C-alpha atoms as a PDB file:
ATOM      1  CA  UNK A   1       0.156  -0.025  -0.288  1.00  0.00           C
ATOM      2  CA  UNK A   2       1.431   3.837  -0.667  1.00  0.00           C
ATOM      3  CA  UNK A   3       2.264   6.246   1.902  1.00  0.00           C
ATOM      4  CA  UNK A   4      -0.342   8.236   3.104  1.00  0.00           C
ATOM      5  CA  UNK A   5      -1.089  12.083   2.011  1.00  0.00           C
ATOM      6  CA  UNK A   6       0.410  13.956   5.813  1.00  0.00           C
ATOM      7  CA  UNK A   7       3.867  10.941   4.881  1.00  0.00           C
ATOM      8  CA  UNK A   8       4.166  12.048   1.431  1.00  0.00           C
ATOM      9  CA  UNK A   9       3.721  15.604   2.232  1.00  0.00           C
ATOM     10  CA  UNK A  10       6.245  15.109   5.085  1.00  0.00           C
ATOM     11  CA  UNK A  11       8.673  13.649   2.533  1.00  0.00           C
ATOM     12  CA  UNK A  12       8.478  16.742   0.143  1.00  0.00           C
ATOM     13  CA  UNK A  13       8.418  19.355   2.673  1.00  0.00           C
ATOM     14  CA  UNK A  14      12.461  16.644   3.740  1.00  0.00           C
ATOM     15  CA  UNK A  15      13.644  16.941  -0.455  1.00  0.00           C
ATOM     16  CA  UNK A  16      12.295  20.741  -0.876  1.00  0.00           C
ATOM     17  CA  UNK A  17      14.157  21.914   2.318  1.00  0.00           C
ATOM     18  CA  UNK A  18      10.422  23.592   3.249  1.00  0.00           C
ATOM     19  CA  UNK A  19       8.108  22.627   6.071  1.00  0.00           C
ATOM     20  CA  UNK A  20       4.771  20.362   6.091  1.00  0.00           C
ATOM     21  CA  UNK A  21       2.545  23.142   6.235  1.00  0.00           C
ATOM     22  CA  UNK A  22       4.653  24.969   4.133  1.00  0.00           C
ATOM     23  CA  UNK A  23       3.961  22.301   1.701  1.00  0.00           C
ATOM     24  CA  UNK A  24       0.341  21.754   2.349  1.00  0.00           C
ATOM     25  CA  UNK A  25       0.003  25.727   1.586  1.00  0.00           C
ATOM     26  CA  UNK A  26       1.284  25.430  -1.452  1.00  0.00           C
ATOM     27  CA  UNK A  27      -0.677  21.877  -2.448  1.00  0.00           C
ATOM     28  CA  UNK A  28      -3.710  23.883  -1.944  1.00  0.00           C
ATOM     29  CA  UNK A  29      -3.530  26.529  -3.774  1.00  0.00           C
ATOM     30  CA  UNK A  30      -2.475  24.546  -7.331  1.00  0.00           C
ATOM     31  CA  UNK A  31      -5.820  22.465  -6.199  1.00  0.00           C
ATOM     32  CA  UNK A  32      -7.763  25.921  -6.086  1.00  0.00           C
ATOM     33  CA  UNK A  33      -6.075  27.200  -9.564  1.00  0.00           C
ATOM     34  CA  UNK A  34      -7.231  23.980 -11.226  1.00  0.00           C
ATOM     35  CA  UNK A  35     -10.337  23.626  -9.164  1.00  0.00           C
ATOM     36  CA  UNK A  36      -9.229  20.428  -8.450  1.00  0.00           C
ATOM     37  CA  UNK A  37     -10.386  18.690  -5.518  1.00  0.00           C
ATOM     38  CA  UNK A  38      -7.608  16.155  -4.991  1.00  0.00           C
ATOM     39  CA  UNK A  39      -4.466  15.118  -6.306  1.00  0.00           C
ATOM     40  CA  UNK A  40      -5.971  13.214  -8.547  1.00  0.00           C
ATOM     41  CA  UNK A  41      -8.481  15.744  -9.715  1.00  0.00           C
ATOM     42  CA  UNK A  42      -5.475  17.938 -10.349  1.00  0.00           C
ATOM     43  CA  UNK A  43      -3.050  15.787 -12.251  1.00  0.00           C
ATOM     44  CA  UNK A  44      -6.388  15.063 -14.846  1.00  0.00           C
ATOM     45  CA  UNK A  45      -7.439  19.151 -14.646  1.00  0.00           C
ATOM     46  CA  UNK A  46      -3.403  19.883 -15.533  1.00  0.00           C
ATOM     47  CA  UNK A  47      -3.254  17.220 -18.592  1.00  0.00           C
ATOM     48  CA  UNK A  48      -6.764  18.727 -19.616  1.00  0.00           C
ATOM     49  CA  UNK A  49      -4.732  21.755 -19.710  1.00  0.00           C
ATOM     50  CA  UNK A  50      -1.147  20.793 -21.170  1.00  0.00           C
ATOM     51  CA  UNK A  51       0.400  21.990 -17.840  1.00  0.00           C
ATOM     52  CA  UNK A  52       1.583  18.323 -17.676  1.00  0.00           C
ATOM     53  CA  UNK A  53       2.717  15.331 -20.243  1.00  0.00           C
ATOM     54  CA  UNK A  54      -0.123  12.463 -21.407  1.00  0.00           C
ATOM     55  CA  UNK A  55      -0.395   9.691 -19.356  1.00  0.00           C
ATOM     56  CA  UNK A  56       2.198   6.571 -20.253  1.00  0.00           C
ATOM     57  CA  UNK A  57      -0.499   3.821 -21.999  1.00  0.00           C
ATOM     58  CA  UNK A  58       2.029   0.957 -20.185  1.00  0.00           C
END
C-alpha cells in the first residue's frame, strides 16, 4: 500500500527544505488554481490543460 498523504507531504517538505505546512499551503493553492478537489483530480485537470504530458498507456 502507498504512503499516506501526510507522509508524502513530509517527504516533499524534506526534499525541498520546506516546512510540512508550507507544502500543504502550496498544494492547496495549486488545487484552487486548477479547481481540483484532490491530487488525482489536479493531475487530470493539469493534463487536460497541457500543463503535464499525457499519461503513458503502459
